[in-house]
Amino acid sequence: MIISIILAMSFGSSILFFASTLVSSLKQRNIDMYGKENMIICNLGKETVSVLNDSELIGEYGLSYITGYACNDTSGTNNGVAIARLDDKGLDFASIKLLEGKYPEADGELLLEKSSLLRLGLDDAKIGDQITLNVYTPNGENDYLQAPIEKTFTLCGIWDGDAVAYRQTMLLSKKYTEQV
């Protein structure tokens, strides 16, 4: 009888331990695949961010600044990648995994997501390479300017875009995006 109780308790403890480990593993897998964020809201103005900051509805948030769209030709904005900058909390939430190189710090440095290299026809690009792209910037009315501006960037890093929200995105430094 005592052996049965001990075995039942051991079995119950083992199941609880297994369930706890499984939940932890699934949470970590979800963070690795999608980042830590629960949602991404783009194009918030400073006033809205201020209201969110004062609200008790949102505990933590990171900011993503979409500053344009880049492609390697002038055929329009359907075959390129988004140009973005994430603040420190946004970078933390996104769980970006660098494959090589570093985050952009200097003017004109570019961190490209690996599938973006293929999309832009840059599959042989290496860290330190100069990359010239046609950049479309917003016109202030939820659309892009018709004529792109040719810009040259230095590839400073390549990252793995498993986080679905950030696939086909290039990240630029804060200093550069504040000038755009």
Protein backbone atom coordinates (compact mmCIF):
# COMPACT_ATOMS: atom_id res chain seq x y z
CA MET A 1 0.00 0.00 0.00
CA ILE A 2 2.77 2.45 0.96
CA ILE A 3 4.67 1.56 -2.21
CA SER A 4 1.54 2.31 -4.26
CA ILE A 5 1.18 5.74 -2.64
CA ILE A 6 4.87 6.52 -3.21
CA LEU A 7 4.64 5.39 -6.84
CA ALA A 8 1.46 7.44 -7.39
CA MET A 9 3.10 10.54 -5.89
CA SER A 10 6.21 10.01 -8.02
CA PHE A 11 4.09 9.56 -11.12
CA GLY A 12 2.05 12.70 -10.32
CA SER A 13 5.20 14.73 -9.68
CA SER A 14 6.72 13.49 -12.93
CA ILE A 15 3.64 14.53 -14.90
CA LEU A 16 3.62 18.01 -13.30
CA PHE A 17 7.34 18.41 -14.03
CA PHE A 18 6.84 17.28 -17.64
CA ALA A 19 3.89 19.67 -18.13
CA SER A 20 5.83 22.57 -16.63
CA THR A 21 8.83 21.86 -18.86
CA LEU A 22 6.60 21.54 -21.92
CA VAL A 23 4.90 24.91 -21.24
CA SER A 24 8.29 26.61 -20.73
CA SER A 25 9.64 25.09 -23.95
CA LEU A 26 6.59 26.19 -25.94
CA LYS A 27 6.81 29.73 -24.55
CA GLN A 28 10.50 29.95 -25.51
CA ARG A 29 9.79 28.53 -28.98
CA ASN A 30 7.06 31.13 -29.46
CA ILE A 31 9.45 33.94 -28.42
CA ASP A 32 12.13 32.60 -30.78
CA MET A 33 9.68 32.45 -33.69
CA TYR A 34 7.62 35.60 -33.17
CA GLY A 35 9.45 37.76 -30.64
CA LYS A 36 8.20 38.86 -27.24
CA GLU A 37 5.61 41.30 -28.51
CA ASN A 38 1.89 40.62 -28.34
CA MET A 39 1.11 43.05 -31.13
CA ILE A 40 2.75 45.61 -33.35
CA ILE A 41 1.05 48.91 -34.08
CA CYS A 42 2.66 51.05 -36.74
CA ASN A 43 2.52 54.78 -37.42
CA LEU A 44 1.66 55.99 -33.94
CA GLY A 45 2.11 59.70 -33.38
CA LYS A 46 3.85 61.16 -30.33
CA GLU A 47 0.51 62.10 -28.81
CA THR A 48 -0.79 58.51 -29.02
CA VAL A 49 2.43 57.14 -27.54
CA SER A 50 2.05 59.62 -24.68
CA VAL A 51 -1.51 58.42 -24.03
CA LEU A 52 -0.30 54.79 -24.06
CA ASN A 53 2.48 55.71 -21.66
CA ASP A 54 -0.05 57.15 -19.20
CA SER A 55 -2.45 54.21 -19.64
CA GLU A 56 -2.61 51.25 -17.29
CA LEU A 57 -3.70 49.01 -20.17
CA ILE A 58 -0.19 48.48 -21.52
CA GLY A 59 2.65 47.47 -19.25
CA GLU A 60 5.58 47.56 -21.64
CA TYR A 61 5.97 48.56 -25.24
CA GLY A 62 8.65 49.07 -27.81
CA LEU A 63 8.54 51.40 -30.77
CA SER A 64 9.08 50.59 -34.42
CA TYR A 65 9.63 53.48 -36.80
CA ILE A 66 8.92 52.68 -40.46
CA THR A 67 10.73 55.35 -42.45
CA GLY A 68 10.36 54.12 -45.99
CA TYR A 69 10.66 51.31 -48.47
CA ALA A 70 13.70 50.17 -50.46
CA CYS A 71 14.11 48.16 -53.65
CA ASN A 72 16.90 47.53 -56.14
CA ASP A 73 15.06 48.93 -59.16
CA THR A 74 12.52 51.65 -59.93
CA SER A 75 9.53 49.39 -60.56
CA GLY A 76 7.72 50.52 -57.44
CA THR A 77 7.19 49.47 -53.87
CA ASN A 78 5.93 45.93 -54.45
CA ASN A 79 9.28 44.13 -54.68
CA GLY A 80 11.38 45.61 -51.90
CA VAL A 81 11.69 45.71 -48.14
CA ALA A 82 10.52 48.00 -45.35
CA ILE A 83 13.04 50.41 -43.83
CA ALA A 84 12.72 50.55 -40.06
CA ARG A 85 14.32 51.41 -36.76
CA LEU A 86 13.42 49.82 -33.47
CA ASP A 87 14.01 51.47 -30.13
CA ASP A 88 15.85 49.46 -27.44
CA LYS A 89 12.65 47.89 -26.09
CA GLY A 90 11.46 47.13 -29.63
CA LEU A 91 14.76 45.34 -30.33
CA ASP A 92 14.33 43.33 -27.13
CA PHE A 93 10.74 42.37 -27.99
CA ALA A 94 11.62 41.45 -31.58
CA SER A 95 14.23 38.91 -30.43
CA ILE A 96 16.37 39.58 -33.49
CA LYS A 97 19.08 36.97 -33.97
CA LEU A 98 22.21 38.28 -35.67
CA LEU A 99 23.74 35.72 -38.03
CA GLU A 100 26.81 37.89 -38.57
CA GLY A 101 27.94 41.47 -38.10
CA LYS A 102 26.40 44.02 -35.74
CA TYR A 103 23.49 46.38 -35.24
CA PRO A 104 23.69 49.65 -37.23
CA GLU A 105 25.18 52.53 -35.28
CA ALA A 106 26.76 54.91 -37.78
CA ASP A 107 25.16 56.90 -40.55
CA GLY A 108 24.33 54.72 -43.55
CA GLU A 109 24.90 51.37 -41.85
CA LEU A 110 22.35 48.73 -42.75
CA LEU A 111 21.26 45.51 -41.03
CA LEU A 112 19.42 43.30 -43.53
CA GLU A 113 17.18 40.33 -42.82
CA LYS A 114 18.47 37.25 -44.69
CA SER A 115 15.42 36.76 -46.97
CA SER A 116 15.69 40.45 -47.89
CA LEU A 117 19.09 39.74 -49.42
CA LEU A 118 17.45 37.31 -51.84
CA ARG A 119 14.47 39.59 -52.50
CA LEU A 120 16.82 42.45 -53.39
CA GLY A 121 19.09 40.23 -55.51
CA LEU A 122 21.95 40.61 -53.03
CA ASP A 123 22.44 36.97 -52.08
CA ASP A 124 26.24 37.29 -52.49
CA ALA A 125 26.53 40.46 -50.33
CA LYS A 126 29.02 40.41 -47.45
CA ILE A 127 29.53 42.51 -44.34
CA GLY A 128 31.19 45.80 -45.30
CA ASP A 129 29.79 45.82 -48.86
CA GLN A 130 28.34 49.04 -50.25
CA ILE A 131 24.72 48.47 -51.30
CA THR A 132 22.86 50.99 -53.48
CA LEU A 133 19.07 50.91 -53.23
CA ASN A 134 16.17 53.02 -54.43
CA VAL A 135 14.47 54.42 -51.36
CA TYR A 136 10.84 55.50 -51.30
CA THR A 137 9.91 57.77 -48.42
CA PRO A 138 6.41 58.46 -47.08
CA ASN A 139 4.68 61.54 -48.47
CA GLY A 140 2.77 62.20 -45.24
CA GLU A 141 -0.54 60.93 -46.62
CA ASN A 142 -0.27 57.15 -46.11
CA ASP A 143 1.56 56.66 -49.40
CA TYR A 144 5.08 56.94 -50.79
CA LEU A 145 6.64 59.62 -52.94
CA GLN A 146 6.46 58.62 -56.61
CA ALA A 147 10.15 59.04 -57.38
CA PRO A 148 12.69 57.05 -55.35
CA ILE A 149 15.93 58.50 -54.02
CA GLU A 150 19.06 56.46 -54.71
CA LYS A 151 20.95 55.80 -51.46
CA THR A 152 24.10 53.82 -50.75
CA PHE A 153 24.38 51.90 -47.48
CA THR A 154 27.11 49.82 -45.84
CA LEU A 155 25.99 46.31 -44.89
CA CYS A 156 26.94 45.98 -41.22
CA GLY A 157 24.96 42.86 -40.34
CA ILE A 158 22.65 40.06 -41.42
CA TRP A 159 19.91 38.73 -39.17
CA ASP A 160 17.51 35.82 -39.12
CA GLY A 161 13.95 37.01 -39.69
CA ASP A 162 12.11 34.11 -38.10
CA ALA A 163 10.10 36.70 -36.22
CA VAL A 164 7.28 36.89 -38.76
CA ALA A 165 6.53 40.57 -38.19
CA TYR A 166 10.03 41.62 -39.21
CA ARG A 167 10.66 39.44 -42.25
CA GLN A 168 11.89 41.40 -45.24
CA THR A 169 12.92 44.39 -43.20
CA MET A 170 16.12 46.39 -43.15
CA LEU A 171 17.12 48.20 -39.97
CA LEU A 172 19.01 51.48 -39.92
CA SER A 173 20.62 53.44 -37.11
CA LYS A 174 18.65 55.91 -34.99
CA LYS A 175 20.94 58.72 -36.13
CA TYR A 176 20.20 58.01 -39.81
CA THR A 177 16.43 57.55 -39.50
CA GLU A 178 16.03 60.76 -37.52
CA GLN A 179 17.49 62.65 -40.49
CA VAL A 180 15.13 61.10 -43.04
